[in-house]
Amino acid sequence: MTRGGNGLAVASLVVGIASIATLPVAIYLTRFSESYELLDAGFVIPVAAALAVLAVVLARRSRRGNVLGLARGNRDRVALAGRILGIVGLCSALAALISLGVYGLLEYVGSRG
């Protein structure tokens, strides 16, 4: 039994959780700062997207290691959970990016009229 696949699966799970938590934490922290507004939380969108992609890549590497080895079991489940969390984190980052784009478009249209 190799430890590499298990470590990658757990890392995928942790990074997937971080990708989901990044945006809500950034938004929450803007409530306590006088110098940052809600729109400033948009700067963490690339961080959340990068963490999400990393979670998916780590899950894929872990599952590839499981296929090559004979040991399976919980590592497949942990890697699958990390992959799902990474996909949800990526969808969350894309939704935040779309919302900022719509806000920018509405600001642009509103300033012209």
N, C-alpha and C. Protein backbone atom coordinates (compact mmCIF):
# COMPACT_ATOMS: atom_id res chain seq x y z
N MET A 1 0.84 -1.17 0.00
CA MET A 1 0.00 0.00 0.00
C MET A 1 0.88 1.23 0.00
N THR A 2 0.64 2.16 -0.94
CA THR A 2 1.45 3.36 -1.03
C THR A 2 0.79 4.49 -0.28
N ARG A 3 1.63 5.35 0.28
CA ARG A 3 1.11 6.50 1.01
C ARG A 3 0.90 7.70 0.09
N GLY A 4 1.53 7.69 -1.09
CA GLY A 4 1.45 8.82 -1.99
C GLY A 4 0.03 9.12 -2.43
N GLY A 5 -0.71 8.10 -2.83
CA GLY A 5 -2.08 8.29 -3.27
C GLY A 5 -2.98 8.79 -2.16
N ASN A 6 -2.76 8.26 -0.95
CA ASN A 6 -3.56 8.70 0.19
C ASN A 6 -3.27 10.16 0.50
N GLY A 7 -2.01 10.55 0.46
CA GLY A 7 -1.65 11.95 0.72
C GLY A 7 -2.24 12.88 -0.32
N LEU A 8 -2.22 12.45 -1.58
CA LEU A 8 -2.81 13.27 -2.64
C LEU A 8 -4.32 13.39 -2.47
N ALA A 9 -4.96 12.30 -2.05
CA ALA A 9 -6.41 12.34 -1.86
C ALA A 9 -6.78 13.29 -0.73
N VAL A 10 -6.06 13.22 0.36
CA VAL A 10 -6.33 14.11 1.49
C VAL A 10 -6.02 15.55 1.11
N ALA A 11 -4.93 15.77 0.38
CA ALA A 11 -4.59 17.12 -0.07
C ALA A 11 -5.68 17.67 -0.99
N SER A 12 -6.21 16.82 -1.85
CA SER A 12 -7.30 17.24 -2.73
C SER A 12 -8.53 17.65 -1.93
N LEU A 13 -8.83 16.90 -0.89
CA LEU A 13 -9.97 17.23 -0.04
C LEU A 13 -9.76 18.56 0.68
N VAL A 14 -8.58 18.77 1.23
CA VAL A 14 -8.29 20.01 1.97
C VAL A 14 -8.30 21.21 1.03
N VAL A 15 -7.67 21.07 -0.14
CA VAL A 15 -7.64 22.18 -1.09
C VAL A 15 -9.04 22.44 -1.65
N GLY A 16 -9.84 21.41 -1.83
CA GLY A 16 -11.22 21.60 -2.27
C GLY A 16 -12.05 22.37 -1.26
N ILE A 17 -11.87 22.06 0.01
CA ILE A 17 -12.56 22.81 1.07
C ILE A 17 -12.09 24.26 1.08
N ALA A 18 -10.79 24.47 0.90
CA ALA A 18 -10.26 25.83 0.86
C ALA A 18 -10.80 26.61 -0.33
N SER A 19 -10.99 25.93 -1.47
CA SER A 19 -11.51 26.63 -2.64
C SER A 19 -12.96 27.08 -2.44
N ILE A 20 -13.71 26.30 -1.70
CA ILE A 20 -15.09 26.67 -1.42
C ILE A 20 -15.16 27.77 -0.37
N ALA A 21 -14.27 27.73 0.61
CA ALA A 21 -14.32 28.68 1.72
C ALA A 21 -13.70 30.04 1.40
N THR A 22 -12.90 30.13 0.36
CA THR A 22 -12.16 31.37 0.08
C THR A 22 -13.08 32.56 -0.15
N LEU A 23 -14.05 32.44 -1.02
CA LEU A 23 -14.92 33.57 -1.34
C LEU A 23 -15.81 34.00 -0.16
N PRO A 24 -16.49 33.07 0.51
CA PRO A 24 -17.30 33.51 1.66
C PRO A 24 -16.48 34.17 2.77
N VAL A 25 -15.27 33.66 3.01
CA VAL A 25 -14.42 34.27 4.04
C VAL A 25 -14.00 35.66 3.63
N ALA A 26 -13.64 35.85 2.36
CA ALA A 26 -13.25 37.18 1.88
C ALA A 26 -14.42 38.16 1.98
N ILE A 27 -15.60 37.70 1.62
CA ILE A 27 -16.78 38.56 1.72
C ILE A 27 -17.08 38.89 3.17
N TYR A 28 -16.97 37.91 4.04
CA TYR A 28 -17.23 38.14 5.46
C TYR A 28 -16.24 39.13 6.07
N LEU A 29 -14.99 39.03 5.67
CA LEU A 29 -13.96 39.90 6.24
C LEU A 29 -14.12 41.35 5.80
N THR A 30 -14.80 41.59 4.67
CA THR A 30 -15.02 42.97 4.25
C THR A 30 -15.98 43.71 5.20
N ARG A 31 -16.73 42.98 5.97
CA ARG A 31 -17.65 43.62 6.91
C ARG A 31 -16.92 44.29 8.07
N PHE A 32 -15.70 43.84 8.35
CA PHE A 32 -14.96 44.34 9.50
C PHE A 32 -13.87 45.33 9.13
N SER A 33 -13.76 45.68 7.87
CA SER A 33 -12.70 46.57 7.43
C SER A 33 -13.30 47.87 6.92
N GLU A 34 -12.69 48.95 7.32
CA GLU A 34 -13.14 50.26 6.85
C GLU A 34 -12.59 50.57 5.46
N SER A 35 -11.45 50.00 5.12
CA SER A 35 -10.80 50.35 3.86
C SER A 35 -11.19 49.42 2.70
N TYR A 36 -11.81 48.30 2.98
CA TYR A 36 -12.21 47.37 1.92
C TYR A 36 -13.72 47.29 1.83
N GLU A 37 -14.20 47.27 0.59
CA GLU A 37 -15.64 47.13 0.35
C GLU A 37 -15.93 45.75 -0.22
N LEU A 38 -17.19 45.48 -0.43
CA LEU A 38 -17.60 44.18 -0.93
C LEU A 38 -16.99 43.87 -2.29
N LEU A 39 -16.89 44.87 -3.16
CA LEU A 39 -16.30 44.64 -4.48
C LEU A 39 -14.83 44.25 -4.40
N ASP A 40 -14.14 44.67 -3.34
CA ASP A 40 -12.73 44.31 -3.19
C ASP A 40 -12.55 42.82 -2.94
N ALA A 41 -13.59 42.15 -2.49
CA ALA A 41 -13.50 40.69 -2.29
C ALA A 41 -13.38 39.97 -3.61
N GLY A 42 -13.66 40.64 -4.71
CA GLY A 42 -13.53 40.04 -6.03
C GLY A 42 -12.09 39.70 -6.40
N PHE A 43 -11.14 40.29 -5.69
CA PHE A 43 -9.74 40.00 -5.99
C PHE A 43 -9.33 38.58 -5.60
N VAL A 44 -10.13 37.90 -4.80
CA VAL A 44 -9.79 36.52 -4.42
C VAL A 44 -10.43 35.49 -5.35
N ILE A 45 -11.15 35.94 -6.37
CA ILE A 45 -11.75 35.00 -7.32
C ILE A 45 -10.68 34.16 -8.02
N PRO A 46 -9.58 34.74 -8.49
CA PRO A 46 -8.55 33.88 -9.10
C PRO A 46 -7.92 32.89 -8.11
N VAL A 47 -7.82 33.29 -6.85
CA VAL A 47 -7.29 32.38 -5.84
C VAL A 47 -8.22 31.19 -5.66
N ALA A 48 -9.51 31.46 -5.56
CA ALA A 48 -10.49 30.38 -5.40
C ALA A 48 -10.49 29.46 -6.63
N ALA A 49 -10.39 30.04 -7.82
CA ALA A 49 -10.37 29.24 -9.04
C ALA A 49 -9.11 28.37 -9.11
N ALA A 50 -7.97 28.95 -8.73
CA ALA A 50 -6.72 28.19 -8.76
C ALA A 50 -6.75 27.04 -7.75
N LEU A 51 -7.30 27.29 -6.57
CA LEU A 51 -7.41 26.23 -5.57
C LEU A 51 -8.35 25.13 -6.07
N ALA A 52 -9.42 25.51 -6.74
CA ALA A 52 -10.37 24.52 -7.26
C ALA A 52 -9.72 23.65 -8.32
N VAL A 53 -8.99 24.26 -9.23
CA VAL A 53 -8.30 23.49 -10.27
C VAL A 53 -7.26 22.57 -9.64
N LEU A 54 -6.54 23.07 -8.65
CA LEU A 54 -5.54 22.26 -7.96
C LEU A 54 -6.19 21.06 -7.28
N ALA A 55 -7.37 21.25 -6.67
CA ALA A 55 -8.06 20.14 -6.02
C ALA A 55 -8.44 19.06 -7.03
N VAL A 56 -8.91 19.47 -8.19
CA VAL A 56 -9.29 18.50 -9.23
C VAL A 56 -8.05 17.76 -9.74
N VAL A 57 -6.95 18.48 -9.93
CA VAL A 57 -5.72 17.85 -10.42
C VAL A 57 -5.18 16.86 -9.39
N LEU A 58 -5.17 17.24 -8.12
CA LEU A 58 -4.70 16.33 -7.08
C LEU A 58 -5.58 15.09 -6.98
N ALA A 59 -6.89 15.26 -7.12
CA ALA A 59 -7.79 14.11 -7.09
C ALA A 59 -7.52 13.18 -8.26
N ARG A 60 -7.27 13.76 -9.41
CA ARG A 60 -7.00 12.94 -10.59
C ARG A 60 -5.70 12.15 -10.42
N ARG A 61 -4.68 12.81 -9.89
CA ARG A 61 -3.40 12.11 -9.67
C ARG A 61 -3.56 11.00 -8.62
N SER A 62 -4.35 11.26 -7.60
CA SER A 62 -4.57 10.25 -6.57
C SER A 62 -5.30 9.04 -7.15
N ARG A 63 -6.32 9.30 -7.94
CA ARG A 63 -7.08 8.20 -8.52
C ARG A 63 -6.25 7.44 -9.55
N ARG A 64 -5.38 8.15 -10.28
CA ARG A 64 -4.49 7.47 -11.22
C ARG A 64 -3.51 6.56 -10.47
N GLY A 65 -3.02 7.03 -9.32
CA GLY A 65 -2.15 6.20 -8.50
C GLY A 65 -2.86 4.99 -7.95
N ASN A 66 -4.15 5.13 -7.65
CA ASN A 66 -4.93 3.99 -7.15
C ASN A 66 -5.16 2.96 -8.24
N VAL A 67 -5.31 3.40 -9.47
CA VAL A 67 -5.52 2.47 -10.58
C VAL A 67 -4.26 1.66 -10.82
N LEU A 68 -3.10 2.31 -10.72
CA LEU A 68 -1.85 1.61 -10.96
C LEU A 68 -1.50 0.64 -9.83
N GLY A 69 -1.91 0.95 -8.62
CA GLY A 69 -1.64 0.07 -7.49
C GLY A 69 -2.78 -0.87 -7.24
N LEU A 70 -2.58 -1.77 -6.31
CA LEU A 70 -3.63 -2.73 -5.98
C LEU A 70 -4.55 -2.22 -4.88
N ALA A 71 -4.08 -1.27 -4.10
CA ALA A 71 -4.86 -0.78 -2.96
C ALA A 71 -5.91 0.21 -3.45
N ARG A 72 -7.11 0.02 -2.99
CA ARG A 72 -8.21 0.94 -3.30
C ARG A 72 -8.87 1.30 -1.98
N GLY A 73 -10.14 1.46 -1.95
CA GLY A 73 -10.83 1.67 -0.70
C GLY A 73 -11.16 3.12 -0.46
N ASN A 74 -10.83 3.61 0.73
CA ASN A 74 -11.21 4.95 1.14
C ASN A 74 -10.55 6.04 0.32
N ARG A 75 -9.39 5.75 -0.25
CA ARG A 75 -8.70 6.77 -1.04
C ARG A 75 -9.54 7.19 -2.24
N ASP A 76 -10.23 6.25 -2.85
CA ASP A 76 -11.10 6.61 -3.97
C ASP A 76 -12.21 7.55 -3.52
N ARG A 77 -12.78 7.29 -2.37
CA ARG A 77 -13.86 8.14 -1.85
C ARG A 77 -13.35 9.52 -1.48
N VAL A 78 -12.19 9.57 -0.85
CA VAL A 78 -11.62 10.87 -0.45
C VAL A 78 -11.24 11.66 -1.70
N ALA A 79 -10.65 11.00 -2.69
CA ALA A 79 -10.29 11.68 -3.93
C ALA A 79 -11.54 12.16 -4.67
N LEU A 80 -12.59 11.36 -4.67
CA LEU A 80 -13.84 11.76 -5.29
C LEU A 80 -14.45 12.96 -4.58
N ALA A 81 -14.40 12.96 -3.25
CA ALA A 81 -14.90 14.11 -2.49
C ALA A 81 -14.09 15.36 -2.81
N GLY A 82 -12.77 15.22 -2.90
CA GLY A 82 -11.92 16.35 -3.25
C GLY A 82 -12.23 16.87 -4.64
N ARG A 83 -12.47 15.96 -5.57
CA ARG A 83 -12.82 16.37 -6.93
C ARG A 83 -14.15 17.10 -6.97
N ILE A 84 -15.13 16.59 -6.26
CA ILE A 84 -16.45 17.24 -6.23
C ILE A 84 -16.35 18.62 -5.60
N LEU A 85 -15.61 18.72 -4.49
CA LEU A 85 -15.43 20.02 -3.85
C LEU A 85 -14.68 20.99 -4.77
N GLY A 86 -13.71 20.49 -5.52
CA GLY A 86 -13.00 21.34 -6.47
C GLY A 86 -13.92 21.85 -7.57
N ILE A 87 -14.79 20.99 -8.06
CA ILE A 87 -15.74 21.41 -9.10
C ILE A 87 -16.72 22.43 -8.55
N VAL A 88 -17.20 22.21 -7.33
CA VAL A 88 -18.10 23.18 -6.70
C VAL A 88 -17.38 24.51 -6.47
N GLY A 89 -16.12 24.45 -6.05
CA GLY A 89 -15.34 25.68 -5.86
C GLY A 89 -15.14 26.42 -7.16
N LEU A 90 -14.90 25.69 -8.25
CA LEU A 90 -14.73 26.33 -9.55
C LEU A 90 -16.03 26.96 -10.02
N CYS A 91 -17.13 26.28 -9.82
CA CYS A 91 -18.44 26.85 -10.16
C CYS A 91 -18.73 28.10 -9.34
N SER A 92 -18.36 28.08 -8.08
CA SER A 92 -18.54 29.24 -7.22
C SER A 92 -17.70 30.42 -7.71
N ALA A 93 -16.46 30.17 -8.09
CA ALA A 93 -15.60 31.23 -8.60
C ALA A 93 -16.15 31.78 -9.91
N LEU A 94 -16.64 30.91 -10.78
CA LEU A 94 -17.22 31.37 -12.04
C LEU A 94 -18.48 32.18 -11.81
N ALA A 95 -19.30 31.77 -10.86
CA ALA A 95 -20.51 32.53 -10.54
C ALA A 95 -20.16 33.91 -10.00
N ALA A 96 -19.13 33.99 -9.16
CA ALA A 96 -18.69 35.28 -8.64
C ALA A 96 -18.14 36.16 -9.76
N LEU A 97 -17.42 35.56 -10.70
CA LEU A 97 -16.88 36.32 -11.82
C LEU A 97 -18.02 36.84 -12.71
N ILE A 98 -19.02 36.03 -12.95
CA ILE A 98 -20.16 36.47 -13.74
C ILE A 98 -20.90 37.59 -13.03
N SER A 99 -21.06 37.47 -11.71
CA SER A 99 -21.77 38.53 -10.98
C SER A 99 -21.01 39.85 -11.02
N LEU A 100 -19.68 39.79 -10.95
CA LEU A 100 -18.90 41.03 -11.08
C LEU A 100 -19.01 41.60 -12.49
N GLY A 101 -19.05 40.74 -13.48
CA GLY A 101 -19.21 41.20 -14.86
C GLY A 101 -20.56 41.87 -15.08
N VAL A 102 -21.62 41.28 -14.54
CA VAL A 102 -22.95 41.88 -14.66
C VAL A 102 -23.00 43.20 -13.92
N TYR A 103 -22.39 43.26 -12.74
CA TYR A 103 -22.35 44.52 -11.99
C TYR A 103 -21.61 45.60 -12.78
N GLY A 104 -20.47 45.24 -13.37
CA GLY A 104 -19.72 46.20 -14.17
C GLY A 104 -20.52 46.67 -15.38
N LEU A 105 -21.23 45.76 -16.02
CA LEU A 105 -22.07 46.13 -17.17
C LEU A 105 -23.18 47.07 -16.74
N LEU A 106 -23.83 46.78 -15.63
CA LEU A 106 -24.90 47.65 -15.15
C LEU A 106 -24.37 49.02 -14.75
N GLU A 107 -23.20 49.07 -14.14
CA GLU A 107 -22.59 50.36 -13.81
C GLU A 107 -22.26 51.16 -15.07
N TYR A 108 -21.77 50.46 -16.09
CA TYR A 108 -21.43 51.13 -17.34
C TYR A 108 -22.69 51.68 -18.02
N VAL A 109 -23.73 50.86 -18.09
CA VAL A 109 -24.98 51.29 -18.73
C VAL A 109 -25.62 52.42 -17.92
N GLY A 110 -25.56 52.32 -16.59
CA GLY A 110 -26.14 53.35 -15.74
C GLY A 110 -25.40 54.67 -15.82
N SER A 111 -24.12 54.64 -16.06
CA SER A 111 -23.35 55.88 -16.13
C SER A 111 -23.51 56.60 -17.46
N ARG A 112 -23.99 55.90 -18.47
CA ARG A 112 -24.16 56.50 -19.79
C ARG A 112 -25.48 57.24 -19.92
N GLY A 113 -26.45 56.91 -19.08
CA GLY A 113 -27.79 57.47 -19.25
C GLY A 113 -28.16 58.53 -18.33
